[in-house]
Amino acid sequence: MTPGTHDPQTADEKFDDEHYPAYTMGRAAEMLGTTPAFLRSLDEADLIEPQRSAGGHRRYSRFQLRLAARVRELVDQGTGLEAACRIVTLEDQLQEARNHNGDRGRGTQNGTELAAG
């Protein structure tokens, strides 16, 4: 283990972690019903950046595959790849903002911060 790194995840934590890079490019393409070239194009478009195995092979997480599936859906409907990637990026940012605002809303009441207990 490299100094300063976190302890490795347990098997259960890996199963629950949507960002764990569990899928090879071939398996990811198969799950999405697409080609490895399509997945590489998403990397080139900077939508998803797969992690690399020790041997340099791309590995994808469930989160990345959900983004890729959404892009594929838009492309199949006739949207260009670059536009589809931008749409998916904006949808993801909107969801993050909604989640953030929802979290903030639970910590306030009538505009006044609640004391942490």
C-alpha atoms as a PDB file:
ATOM      1  CA  MET A   1       0.000   0.000   0.000  1.00  0.00           C
ATOM      2  CA  THR A   2       1.276   3.473  -0.860  1.00  0.00           C
ATOM      3  CA  PRO A   3       1.749   5.850   2.083  1.00  0.00           C
ATOM      4  CA  GLY A   4      -1.091   8.326   2.394  1.00  0.00           C
ATOM      5  CA  THR A   5      -3.631   6.110   0.607  1.00  0.00           C
ATOM      6  CA  HIS A   6      -6.819   4.812   2.170  1.00  0.00           C
ATOM      7  CA  ASP A   7      -7.367   1.236   3.258  1.00  0.00           C
ATOM      8  CA  PRO A   8      -8.697  -0.939   0.441  1.00  0.00           C
ATOM      9  CA  GLN A   9     -12.437  -1.320   0.242  1.00  0.00           C
ATOM     10  CA  THR A  10     -14.087  -4.491   1.455  1.00  0.00           C
ATOM     11  CA  ALA A  11     -15.969  -6.613  -1.070  1.00  0.00           C
ATOM     12  CA  ASP A  12     -19.308  -5.324   0.275  1.00  0.00           C
ATOM     13  CA  GLU A  13     -18.154  -1.709  -0.052  1.00  0.00           C
ATOM     14  CA  LYS A  14     -17.091  -2.335  -3.652  1.00  0.00           C
ATOM     15  CA  PHE A  15     -20.520  -3.792  -4.495  1.00  0.00           C
ATOM     16  CA  ASP A  16     -22.241  -0.735  -3.011  1.00  0.00           C
ATOM     17  CA  ASP A  17     -19.879   1.874  -4.496  1.00  0.00           C
ATOM     18  CA  GLU A  18     -21.317   3.195  -7.758  1.00  0.00           C
ATOM     19  CA  HIS A  19     -17.936   4.761  -8.561  1.00  0.00           C
ATOM     20  CA  TYR A  20     -15.925   1.542  -8.204  1.00  0.00           C
ATOM     21  CA  PRO A  21     -14.465   0.663 -11.656  1.00  0.00           C
ATOM     22  CA  ALA A  22     -15.796  -2.888 -11.855  1.00  0.00           C
ATOM     23  CA  TYR A  23     -16.458  -3.276 -15.588  1.00  0.00           C
ATOM     24  CA  THR A  24     -14.022  -3.900 -18.410  1.00  0.00           C
ATOM     25  CA  MET A  25     -14.552  -2.090 -21.689  1.00  0.00           C
ATOM     26  CA  GLY A  26     -15.864  -5.239 -23.374  1.00  0.00           C
ATOM     27  CA  ARG A  27     -18.342  -5.971 -20.590  1.00  0.00           C
ATOM     28  CA  ALA A  28     -19.436  -2.328 -20.427  1.00  0.00           C
ATOM     29  CA  ALA A  29     -20.030  -2.218 -24.196  1.00  0.00           C
ATOM     30  CA  GLU A  30     -21.978  -5.471 -24.005  1.00  0.00           C
ATOM     31  CA  MET A  31     -24.163  -4.166 -21.162  1.00  0.00           C
ATOM     32  CA  LEU A  32     -24.920  -0.978 -23.104  1.00  0.00           C
ATOM     33  CA  GLY A  33     -25.444  -2.760 -26.418  1.00  0.00           C
ATOM     34  CA  THR A  34     -22.773  -0.645 -28.059  1.00  0.00           C
ATOM     35  CA  THR A  35     -19.165  -0.951 -29.207  1.00  0.00           C
ATOM     36  CA  PRO A  36     -15.891  -0.301 -27.411  1.00  0.00           C
ATOM     37  CA  ALA A  37     -15.317   2.489 -29.968  1.00  0.00           C
ATOM     38  CA  PHE A  38     -18.412   4.275 -28.643  1.00  0.00           C
ATOM     39  CA  LEU A  39     -17.022   4.132 -25.103  1.00  0.00           C
ATOM     40  CA  ARG A  40     -13.633   5.411 -26.304  1.00  0.00           C
ATOM     41  CA  SER A  41     -15.430   8.315 -28.016  1.00  0.00           C
ATOM     42  CA  LEU A  42     -16.988   9.285 -24.665  1.00  0.00           C
ATOM     43  CA  ASP A  43     -13.510   9.321 -23.141  1.00  0.00           C
ATOM     44  CA  GLU A  44     -12.247  11.484 -26.029  1.00  0.00           C
ATOM     45  CA  ALA A  45     -15.233  13.828 -25.548  1.00  0.00           C
ATOM     46  CA  ASP A  46     -14.243  14.180 -21.851  1.00  0.00           C
ATOM     47  CA  LEU A  47     -17.619  12.925 -20.633  1.00  0.00           C
ATOM     48  CA  ILE A  48     -16.205   9.969 -18.754  1.00  0.00           C
ATOM     49  CA  GLU A  49     -12.638   9.162 -17.863  1.00  0.00           C
ATOM     50  CA  PRO A  50     -12.386   5.482 -17.035  1.00  0.00           C
ATOM     51  CA  GLN A  51      -9.837   4.319 -14.532  1.00  0.00           C
ATOM     52  CA  ARG A  52      -7.070   2.066 -15.803  1.00  0.00           C
ATOM     53  CA  SER A  53      -6.144  -1.385 -14.594  1.00  0.00           C
ATOM     54  CA  ALA A  54      -2.522  -2.204 -13.794  1.00  0.00           C
ATOM     55  CA  GLY A  55      -2.232  -3.432 -17.388  1.00  0.00           C
ATOM     56  CA  GLY A  56      -3.612  -0.139 -18.771  1.00  0.00           C
ATOM     57  CA  HIS A  57      -7.079  -1.422 -19.670  1.00  0.00           C
ATOM     58  CA  ARG A  58     -10.086   0.865 -19.228  1.00  0.00           C
ATOM     59  CA  ARG A  59     -12.382   0.078 -16.281  1.00  0.00           C
ATOM     60  CA  TYR A  60     -15.840   1.641 -15.902  1.00  0.00           C
ATOM     61  CA  SER A  61     -18.046   2.277 -12.880  1.00  0.00           C
ATOM     62  CA  ARG A  62     -21.828   1.928 -12.683  1.00  0.00           C
ATOM     63  CA  PHE A  63     -22.088   5.729 -12.526  1.00  0.00           C
ATOM     64  CA  GLN A  64     -20.080   6.083 -15.740  1.00  0.00           C
ATOM     65  CA  LEU A  65     -22.188   3.417 -17.436  1.00  0.00           C
ATOM     66  CA  ARG A  66     -25.382   5.292 -16.519  1.00  0.00           C
ATOM     67  CA  LEU A  67     -23.970   8.424 -18.168  1.00  0.00           C
ATOM     68  CA  ALA A  68     -22.914   6.423 -21.227  1.00  0.00           C
ATOM     69  CA  ALA A  69     -26.369   4.812 -21.461  1.00  0.00           C
ATOM     70  CA  ARG A  70     -28.011   8.242 -21.404  1.00  0.00           C
ATOM     71  CA  VAL A  71     -25.698   9.504 -24.164  1.00  0.00           C
ATOM     72  CA  ARG A  72     -26.450   6.393 -26.198  1.00  0.00           C
ATOM     73  CA  GLU A  73     -30.181   7.041 -25.798  1.00  0.00           C
ATOM     74  CA  LEU A  74     -29.789  10.625 -27.060  1.00  0.00           C
ATOM     75  CA  VAL A  75     -27.540   9.584 -29.957  1.00  0.00           C
ATOM     76  CA  ASP A  76     -30.051   6.889 -30.944  1.00  0.00           C
ATOM     77  CA  GLN A  77     -32.701   9.645 -31.079  1.00  0.00           C
ATOM     78  CA  GLY A  78     -30.581  11.607 -33.546  1.00  0.00           C
ATOM     79  CA  THR A  79     -28.656  13.953 -31.251  1.00  0.00           C
ATOM     80  CA  GLY A  80     -25.008  14.470 -32.192  1.00  0.00           C
ATOM     81  CA  LEU A  81     -22.432  12.954 -29.862  1.00  0.00           C
ATOM     82  CA  GLU A  82     -20.973  16.286 -28.730  1.00  0.00           C
ATOM     83  CA  ALA A  83     -24.436  17.725 -28.021  1.00  0.00           C
ATOM     84  CA  ALA A  84     -25.516  14.535 -26.237  1.00  0.00           C
ATOM     85  CA  CYS A  85     -22.434  14.690 -24.007  1.00  0.00           C
ATOM     86  CA  ARG A  86     -23.160  18.328 -23.170  1.00  0.00           C
ATOM     87  CA  ILE A  87     -26.807  17.527 -22.361  1.00  0.00           C
ATOM     88  CA  VAL A  88     -25.790  14.672 -20.071  1.00  0.00           C
ATOM     89  CA  THR A  89     -23.186  16.853 -18.355  1.00  0.00           C
ATOM     90  CA  LEU A  90     -25.785  19.560 -17.722  1.00  0.00           C
ATOM     91  CA  GLU A  91     -28.339  17.015 -16.479  1.00  0.00           C
ATOM     92  CA  ASP A  92     -25.751  15.639 -14.056  1.00  0.00           C
ATOM     93  CA  GLN A  93     -24.831  19.124 -12.815  1.00  0.00           C
ATOM     94  CA  LEU A  94     -28.516  19.962 -12.327  1.00  0.00           C
ATOM     95  CA  GLN A  95     -29.033  16.785 -10.294  1.00  0.00           C
ATOM     96  CA  GLU A  96     -25.994  17.599  -8.141  1.00  0.00           C
ATOM     97  CA  ALA A  97     -27.358  21.114  -7.516  1.00  0.00           C
ATOM     98  CA  ARG A  98     -30.762  19.703  -6.571  1.00  0.00           C
ATOM     99  CA  ASN A  99     -29.127  17.235  -4.184  1.00  0.00           C
ATOM    100  CA  HIS A 100     -27.026  20.011  -2.675  1.00  0.00           C
ATOM    101  CA  ASN A 101     -30.034  22.280  -2.221  1.00  0.00           C
ATOM    102  CA  GLY A 102     -32.031  19.424  -0.716  1.00  0.00           C
ATOM    103  CA  ASP A 103     -29.243  18.774   1.781  1.00  0.00           C
ATOM    104  CA  ARG A 104     -29.104  22.467   2.689  1.00  0.00           C
ATOM    105  CA  GLY A 105     -32.881  22.601   3.064  1.00  0.00           C
ATOM    106  CA  ARG A 106     -32.819  19.831   5.652  1.00  0.00           C
ATOM    107  CA  GLY A 107     -30.333  21.847   7.738  1.00  0.00           C
ATOM    108  CA  THR A 108     -32.453  25.013   7.880  1.00  0.00           C
ATOM    109  CA  GLN A 109     -35.859  25.933   9.143  1.00  0.00           C
ATOM    110  CA  ASN A 110     -37.537  29.221   8.219  1.00  0.00           C
ATOM    111  CA  GLY A 111     -34.200  30.485   6.892  1.00  0.00           C
ATOM    112  CA  THR A 112     -32.440  29.900  10.237  1.00  0.00           C
ATOM    113  CA  GLU A 113     -29.679  27.332  10.591  1.00  0.00           C
ATOM    114  CA  LEU A 114     -30.554  24.539  12.979  1.00  0.00           C
ATOM    115  CA  ALA A 115     -27.935  23.783  15.619  1.00  0.00           C
ATOM    116  CA  ALA A 116     -26.102  20.532  15.043  1.00  0.00           C
ATOM    117  CA  GLY A 117     -26.950  18.119  17.790  1.00  0.00           C
END
